[in-house]
PDB file of N, CA and C in Angstrom:
ATOM      1  N   MET A   1     -11.421 -18.007 -10.183  1.00  0.00           N
ATOM      2  CA  MET A   1     -12.224 -16.876  -9.835  1.00  0.00           C
ATOM      3  C   MET A   1     -12.414 -16.011 -11.087  1.00  0.00           C
ATOM      4  N   GLY A   2     -13.611 -15.765 -11.435  1.00  0.00           N
ATOM      5  CA  GLY A   2     -13.893 -14.994 -12.635  1.00  0.00           C
ATOM      6  C   GLY A   2     -13.999 -13.524 -12.362  1.00  0.00           C
ATOM      7  N   ARG A   3     -14.430 -12.811 -13.340  1.00  0.00           N
ATOM      8  CA  ARG A   3     -14.639 -11.385 -13.200  1.00  0.00           C
ATOM      9  C   ARG A   3     -15.841 -11.112 -12.300  1.00  0.00           C
ATOM     10  N   PRO A   4     -15.850  -9.981 -11.639  1.00  0.00           N
ATOM     11  CA  PRO A   4     -17.022  -9.641 -10.805  1.00  0.00           C
ATOM     12  C   PRO A   4     -18.243  -9.368 -11.673  1.00  0.00           C
ATOM     13  N   LYS A   5     -19.401  -9.426 -11.074  1.00  0.00           N
ATOM     14  CA  LYS A   5     -20.633  -9.149 -11.767  1.00  0.00           C
ATOM     15  C   LYS A   5     -20.585  -7.743 -12.360  1.00  0.00           C
ATOM     16  N   GLU A   6     -20.926  -7.619 -13.604  1.00  0.00           N
ATOM     17  CA  GLU A   6     -20.964  -6.292 -14.224  1.00  0.00           C
ATOM     18  C   GLU A   6     -22.220  -5.567 -13.762  1.00  0.00           C
ATOM     19  N   LEU A   7     -22.075  -4.301 -13.483  1.00  0.00           N
ATOM     20  CA  LEU A   7     -23.216  -3.513 -13.039  1.00  0.00           C
ATOM     21  C   LEU A   7     -24.002  -3.019 -14.269  1.00  0.00           C
ATOM     22  N   THR A   8     -25.287  -2.860 -14.068  1.00  0.00           N
ATOM     23  CA  THR A   8     -26.095  -2.250 -15.138  1.00  0.00           C
ATOM     24  C   THR A   8     -25.845  -0.742 -15.124  1.00  0.00           C
ATOM     25  N   GLU A   9     -26.254  -0.084 -16.180  1.00  0.00           N
ATOM     26  CA  GLU A   9     -26.101   1.366 -16.267  1.00  0.00           C
ATOM     27  C   GLU A   9     -26.858   2.056 -15.143  1.00  0.00           C
ATOM     28  N   GLU A  10     -28.022   1.521 -14.795  1.00  0.00           N
ATOM     29  CA  GLU A  10     -28.828   2.093 -13.708  1.00  0.00           C
ATOM     30  C   GLU A  10     -28.089   1.943 -12.377  1.00  0.00           C
ATOM     31  N   GLU A  11     -27.494   0.796 -12.110  1.00  0.00           N
ATOM     32  CA  GLU A  11     -26.740   0.595 -10.877  1.00  0.00           C
ATOM     33  C   GLU A  11     -25.532   1.560 -10.819  1.00  0.00           C
ATOM     34  N   LYS A  12     -24.876   1.740 -11.932  1.00  0.00           N
ATOM     35  CA  LYS A  12     -23.744   2.667 -12.016  1.00  0.00           C
ATOM     36  C   LYS A  12     -24.208   4.104 -11.694  1.00  0.00           C
ATOM     37  N   ARG A  13     -25.344   4.515 -12.283  1.00  0.00           N
ATOM     38  CA  ARG A  13     -25.870   5.848 -12.045  1.00  0.00           C
ATOM     39  C   ARG A  13     -26.211   6.042 -10.568  1.00  0.00           C
ATOM     40  N   GLN A  14     -26.801   5.017  -9.953  1.00  0.00           N
ATOM     41  CA  GLN A  14     -27.174   5.120  -8.538  1.00  0.00           C
ATOM     42  C   GLN A  14     -25.903   5.273  -7.674  1.00  0.00           C
ATOM     43  N   LEU A  15     -24.882   4.501  -7.974  1.00  0.00           N
ATOM     44  CA  LEU A  15     -23.649   4.616  -7.199  1.00  0.00           C
ATOM     45  C   LEU A  15     -23.002   5.976  -7.379  1.00  0.00           C
ATOM     46  N   ARG A  16     -22.961   6.460  -8.623  1.00  0.00           N
ATOM     47  CA  ARG A  16     -22.362   7.770  -8.891  1.00  0.00           C
ATOM     48  C   ARG A  16     -23.129   8.889  -8.187  1.00  0.00           C
ATOM     49  N   SER A  17     -24.452   8.721  -8.132  1.00  0.00           N
ATOM     50  CA  SER A  17     -25.257   9.739  -7.427  1.00  0.00           C
ATOM     51  C   SER A  17     -24.960   9.788  -5.934  1.00  0.00           C
ATOM     52  N   LYS A  18     -24.381   8.693  -5.416  1.00  0.00           N
ATOM     53  CA  LYS A  18     -24.001   8.613  -4.013  1.00  0.00           C
ATOM     54  C   LYS A  18     -22.524   8.946  -3.815  1.00  0.00           C
ATOM     55  N   ALA A  19     -21.882   9.537  -4.815  1.00  0.00           N
ATOM     56  CA  ALA A  19     -20.485   9.971  -4.771  1.00  0.00           C
ATOM     57  C   ALA A  19     -19.484   8.816  -4.838  1.00  0.00           C
ATOM     58  N   PHE A  20     -19.872   7.688  -5.426  1.00  0.00           N
ATOM     59  CA  PHE A  20     -18.927   6.584  -5.658  1.00  0.00           C
ATOM     60  C   PHE A  20     -18.400   6.709  -7.078  1.00  0.00           C
ATOM     61  N   HIS A  21     -17.154   6.207  -7.267  1.00  0.00           N
ATOM     62  CA  HIS A  21     -16.633   6.137  -8.634  1.00  0.00           C
ATOM     63  C   HIS A  21     -15.858   4.832  -8.786  1.00  0.00           C
ATOM     64  N   PRO A  22     -15.839   4.291 -10.017  1.00  0.00           N
ATOM     65  CA  PRO A  22     -15.185   2.996 -10.208  1.00  0.00           C
ATOM     66  C   PRO A  22     -13.656   3.147 -10.184  1.00  0.00           C
ATOM     67  N   VAL A  23     -13.017   2.100  -9.689  1.00  0.00           N
ATOM     68  CA  VAL A  23     -11.553   2.052  -9.610  1.00  0.00           C
ATOM     69  C   VAL A  23     -11.133   0.680 -10.028  1.00  0.00           C
ATOM     70  N   GLU A  24     -10.144   0.575 -10.888  1.00  0.00           N
ATOM     71  CA  GLU A  24      -9.593  -0.703 -11.307  1.00  0.00           C
ATOM     72  C   GLU A  24      -8.253  -0.924 -10.570  1.00  0.00           C
ATOM     73  N   VAL A  25      -8.099  -2.077  -9.998  1.00  0.00           N
ATOM     74  CA  VAL A  25      -6.880  -2.351  -9.220  1.00  0.00           C
ATOM     75  C   VAL A  25      -6.200  -3.586  -9.810  1.00  0.00           C
ATOM     76  N   TRP A  26      -4.915  -3.440 -10.088  1.00  0.00           N
ATOM     77  CA  TRP A  26      -4.104  -4.542 -10.599  1.00  0.00           C
ATOM     78  C   TRP A  26      -3.139  -4.968  -9.517  1.00  0.00           C
ATOM     79  N   LEU A  27      -3.107  -6.255  -9.210  1.00  0.00           N
ATOM     80  CA  LEU A  27      -2.280  -6.795  -8.165  1.00  0.00           C
ATOM     81  C   LEU A  27      -1.289  -7.804  -8.737  1.00  0.00           C
ATOM     82  N   PRO A  28      -0.162  -8.023  -8.059  1.00  0.00           N
ATOM     83  CA  PRO A  28       0.789  -9.037  -8.526  1.00  0.00           C
ATOM     84  C   PRO A  28       0.135 -10.415  -8.493  1.00  0.00           C
ATOM     85  N   ASP A  29       0.543 -11.239  -9.420  1.00  0.00           N
ATOM     86  CA  ASP A  29       0.015 -12.619  -9.512  1.00  0.00           C
ATOM     87  C   ASP A  29       0.926 -13.533  -8.711  1.00  0.00           C
ATOM     88  N   PHE A  30       0.556 -13.818  -7.471  1.00  0.00           N
ATOM     89  CA  PHE A  30       1.399 -14.617  -6.590  1.00  0.00           C
ATOM     90  C   PHE A  30       1.411 -16.103  -6.967  1.00  0.00           C
ATOM     91  N   SER A  31       0.622 -16.493  -7.949  1.00  0.00           N
ATOM     92  CA  SER A  31       0.713 -17.879  -8.409  1.00  0.00           C
ATOM     93  C   SER A  31       1.885 -18.053  -9.351  1.00  0.00           C
ATOM     94  N   ASP A  32       2.468 -16.935  -9.821  1.00  0.00           N
ATOM     95  CA  ASP A  32       3.678 -16.984 -10.662  1.00  0.00           C
ATOM     96  C   ASP A  32       4.870 -17.153  -9.701  1.00  0.00           C
ATOM     97  N   PRO A  33       5.635 -18.245  -9.895  1.00  0.00           N
ATOM     98  CA  PRO A  33       6.742 -18.518  -8.980  1.00  0.00           C
ATOM     99  C   PRO A  33       7.773 -17.381  -8.902  1.00  0.00           C
ATOM    100  N   ASN A  34       8.028 -16.670 -10.006  1.00  0.00           N
ATOM    101  CA  ASN A  34       8.979 -15.572  -9.988  1.00  0.00           C
ATOM    102  C   ASN A  34       8.473 -14.397  -9.143  1.00  0.00           C
ATOM    103  N   VAL A  35       7.212 -14.076  -9.292  1.00  0.00           N
ATOM    104  CA  VAL A  35       6.610 -12.982  -8.525  1.00  0.00           C
ATOM    105  C   VAL A  35       6.607 -13.360  -7.037  1.00  0.00           C
ATOM    106  N   TYR A  36       6.244 -14.614  -6.737  1.00  0.00           N
ATOM    107  CA  TYR A  36       6.197 -15.045  -5.344  1.00  0.00           C
ATOM    108  C   TYR A  36       7.593 -15.009  -4.722  1.00  0.00           C
ATOM    109  N   ALA A  37       8.596 -15.465  -5.466  1.00  0.00           N
ATOM    110  CA  ALA A  37       9.968 -15.463  -4.938  1.00  0.00           C
ATOM    111  C   ALA A  37      10.444 -14.047  -4.682  1.00  0.00           C
ATOM    112  N   GLN A  38      10.096 -13.133  -5.576  1.00  0.00           N
ATOM    113  CA  GLN A  38      10.496 -11.726  -5.380  1.00  0.00           C
ATOM    114  C   GLN A  38       9.824 -11.163  -4.143  1.00  0.00           C
ATOM    115  N   ALA A  39       8.545 -11.451  -3.950  1.00  0.00           N
ATOM    116  CA  ALA A  39       7.831 -10.939  -2.786  1.00  0.00           C
ATOM    117  C   ALA A  39       8.410 -11.490  -1.493  1.00  0.00           C
ATOM    118  N   VAL A  40       8.767 -12.779  -1.475  1.00  0.00           N
ATOM    119  CA  VAL A  40       9.365 -13.387  -0.307  1.00  0.00           C
ATOM    120  C   VAL A  40      10.708 -12.726   0.002  1.00  0.00           C
ATOM    121  N   ALA A  41      11.528 -12.515  -1.029  1.00  0.00           N
ATOM    122  CA  ALA A  41      12.832 -11.890  -0.836  1.00  0.00           C
ATOM    123  C   ALA A  41      12.681 -10.459  -0.289  1.00  0.00           C
ATOM    124  N   GLU A  42      11.716  -9.696  -0.808  1.00  0.00           N
ATOM    125  CA  GLU A  42      11.503  -8.350  -0.314  1.00  0.00           C
ATOM    126  C   GLU A  42      11.012  -8.350   1.119  1.00  0.00           C
ATOM    127  N   ALA A  43      10.144  -9.292   1.451  1.00  0.00           N
ATOM    128  CA  ALA A  43       9.671  -9.401   2.832  1.00  0.00           C
ATOM    129  C   ALA A  43      10.799  -9.731   3.808  1.00  0.00           C
ATOM    130  N   LYS A  44      11.704 -10.589   3.365  1.00  0.00           N
ATOM    131  CA  LYS A  44      12.854 -10.936   4.229  1.00  0.00           C
ATOM    132  C   LYS A  44      13.755  -9.701   4.421  1.00  0.00           C
ATOM    133  N   ARG A  45      13.979  -8.941   3.369  1.00  0.00           N
ATOM    134  CA  ARG A  45      14.793  -7.719   3.488  1.00  0.00           C
ATOM    135  C   ARG A  45      14.141  -6.723   4.436  1.00  0.00           C
ATOM    136  N   ILE A  46      12.835  -6.589   4.364  1.00  0.00           N
ATOM    137  CA  ILE A  46      12.121  -5.691   5.236  1.00  0.00           C
ATOM    138  C   ILE A  46      12.232  -6.113   6.708  1.00  0.00           C
ATOM    139  N   ALA A  47      12.080  -7.449   6.916  1.00  0.00           N
ATOM    140  CA  ALA A  47      12.191  -7.983   8.273  1.00  0.00           C
ATOM    141  C   ALA A  47      13.559  -7.733   8.864  1.00  0.00           C
ATOM    142  N   VAL A  48      14.588  -7.913   8.075  1.00  0.00           N
ATOM    143  CA  VAL A  48      15.980  -7.665   8.569  1.00  0.00           C
ATOM    144  C   VAL A  48      16.150  -6.166   8.812  1.00  0.00           C
ATOM    145  N   ALA A  49      15.651  -5.347   7.892  1.00  0.00           N
ATOM    146  CA  ALA A  49      15.838  -3.901   8.079  1.00  0.00           C
ATOM    147  C   ALA A  49      15.118  -3.404   9.328  1.00  0.00           C
ATOM    148  N   ASP A  50      13.982  -3.977   9.645  1.00  0.00           N
ATOM    149  CA  ASP A  50      13.242  -3.556  10.809  1.00  0.00           C
ATOM    150  C   ASP A  50      13.998  -3.854  12.112  1.00  0.00           C
ATOM    151  N   SER A  51      14.837  -4.884  12.075  1.00  0.00           N
ATOM    152  CA  SER A  51      15.569  -5.251  13.300  1.00  0.00           C
ATOM    153  C   SER A  51      16.921  -4.535  13.439  1.00  0.00           C
ATOM    154  N   GLU A  52      17.326  -3.809  12.415  1.00  0.00           N
ATOM    155  CA  GLU A  52      18.607  -3.104  12.435  1.00  0.00           C
ATOM    156  C   GLU A  52      18.500  -1.869  13.337  1.00  0.00           C
ATOM    157  N   GLU A  53      19.360  -1.771  14.304  1.00  0.00           N
ATOM    158  CA  GLU A  53      19.323  -0.644  15.224  1.00  0.00           C
ATOM    159  C   GLU A  53      19.673   0.662  14.490  1.00  0.00           C
ATOM    160  N   ASP A  54      20.621   0.609  13.541  1.00  0.00           N
ATOM    161  CA  ASP A  54      21.010   1.819  12.856  1.00  0.00           C
ATOM    162  C   ASP A  54      19.856   2.449  12.098  1.00  0.00           C
ATOM    163  N   ILE A  55      19.022   1.612  11.497  1.00  0.00           N
ATOM    164  CA  ILE A  55      17.893   2.158  10.734  1.00  0.00           C
ATOM    165  C   ILE A  55      16.897   2.811  11.684  1.00  0.00           C
ATOM    166  N   LEU A  56      16.654   2.175  12.809  1.00  0.00           N
ATOM    167  CA  LEU A  56      15.722   2.768  13.789  1.00  0.00           C
ATOM    168  C   LEU A  56      16.251   4.076  14.315  1.00  0.00           C
ATOM    169  N   THR A  57      17.551   4.135  14.592  1.00  0.00           N
ATOM    170  CA  THR A  57      18.169   5.384  15.052  1.00  0.00           C
ATOM    171  C   THR A  57      18.013   6.480  14.000  1.00  0.00           C
ATOM    172  N   TRP A  58      18.238   6.107  12.733  1.00  0.00           N
ATOM    173  CA  TRP A  58      18.117   7.060  11.663  1.00  0.00           C
ATOM    174  C   TRP A  58      16.673   7.557  11.550  1.00  0.00           C
ATOM    175  N   MET A  59      15.697   6.632  11.639  1.00  0.00           N
ATOM    176  CA  MET A  59      14.319   7.024  11.558  1.00  0.00           C
ATOM    177  C   MET A  59      13.911   7.984  12.675  1.00  0.00           C
ATOM    178  N   GLU A  60      14.383   7.661  13.887  1.00  0.00           N
ATOM    179  CA  GLU A  60      14.076   8.541  15.015  1.00  0.00           C
ATOM    180  C   GLU A  60      14.677   9.933  14.843  1.00  0.00           C
ATOM    181  N   ALA A  61      15.862   9.990  14.321  1.00  0.00           N
ATOM    182  CA  ALA A  61      16.499  11.281  14.053  1.00  0.00           C
ATOM    183  C   ALA A  61      15.754  12.055  12.981  1.00  0.00           C
ATOM    184  N   LEU A  62      15.298  11.355  11.945  1.00  0.00           N
ATOM    185  CA  LEU A  62      14.560  11.967  10.880  1.00  0.00           C
ATOM    186  C   LEU A  62      13.224  12.512  11.390  1.00  0.00           C
ATOM    187  N   GLN A  63      12.557  11.756  12.228  1.00  0.00           N
ATOM    188  CA  GLN A  63      11.282  12.205  12.761  1.00  0.00           C
ATOM    189  C   GLN A  63      11.461  13.430  13.670  1.00  0.00           C
ATOM    190  N   LYS A  64      12.536  13.444  14.413  1.00  0.00           N
ATOM    191  CA  LYS A  64      12.804  14.604  15.257  1.00  0.00           C
ATOM    192  C   LYS A  64      12.919  15.862  14.407  1.00  0.00           C
ATOM    193  N   ASP A  65      13.651  15.778  13.271  1.00  0.00           N
ATOM    194  CA  ASP A  65      13.827  16.924  12.383  1.00  0.00           C
ATOM    195  C   ASP A  65      12.499  17.320  11.756  1.00  0.00           C
ATOM    196  N   MET A  66      11.649  16.343  11.489  1.00  0.00           N
ATOM    197  CA  MET A  66      10.365  16.654  10.843  1.00  0.00           C
ATOM    198  C   MET A  66       9.467  17.476  11.762  1.00  0.00           C
ATOM    199  N   TRP A  67       9.524  17.221  13.047  1.00  0.00           N
ATOM    200  CA  TRP A  67       8.623  17.889  13.974  1.00  0.00           C
ATOM    201  C   TRP A  67       9.257  19.005  14.751  1.00  0.00           C
ATOM    202  N   GLU A  68      10.539  19.206  14.538  1.00  0.00           N
ATOM    203  CA  GLU A  68      11.255  20.269  15.249  1.00  0.00           C
ATOM    204  C   GLU A  68      10.666  21.642  14.878  1.00  0.00           C
ATOM    205  N   GLY A  69      10.381  22.424  15.895  1.00  0.00           N
ATOM    206  CA  GLY A  69       9.849  23.786  15.660  1.00  0.00           C
ATOM    207  C   GLY A  69       8.341  23.826  15.525  1.00  0.00           C
ATOM    208  N   GLU A  70       7.639  22.735  15.609  1.00  0.00           N
ATOM    209  CA  GLU A  70       6.190  22.760  15.462  1.00  0.00           C
ATOM    210  C   GLU A  70       5.519  23.593  16.545  1.00  0.00           C
ATOM    211  N   ASP A  71       6.129  23.598  17.759  1.00  0.00           N
ATOM    212  CA  ASP A  71       5.515  24.360  18.865  1.00  0.00           C
ATOM    213  C   ASP A  71       5.657  25.865  18.667  1.00  0.00           C
ATOM    214  N   GLN A  72       6.458  26.296  17.707  1.00  0.00           N
ATOM    215  CA  GLN A  72       6.704  27.735  17.498  1.00  0.00           C
ATOM    216  C   GLN A  72       5.707  28.316  16.490  1.00  0.00           C
ATOM    217  N   ILE A  73       4.902  27.486  15.898  1.00  0.00           N
ATOM    218  CA  ILE A  73       3.968  27.994  14.864  1.00  0.00           C
ATOM    219  C   ILE A  73       2.776  28.681  15.485  1.00  0.00           C
TER     220      ILE A  73
END
């Protein structure tokens, strides 16, 4: 997959006049075995953490503290 089509200066001006602006995004290269292995390991840790009851209890307690007193404003 190559680079995307480059826009002409006129196309860029038209987009900017419509309140668009360019953004460059860099993503991990999952074709690299080390990057892929790290992503898989992180996904497994997240999956285990999501099933832990202690973490869910902690999150619920944290959310309660975040919203406590909102009705008094």
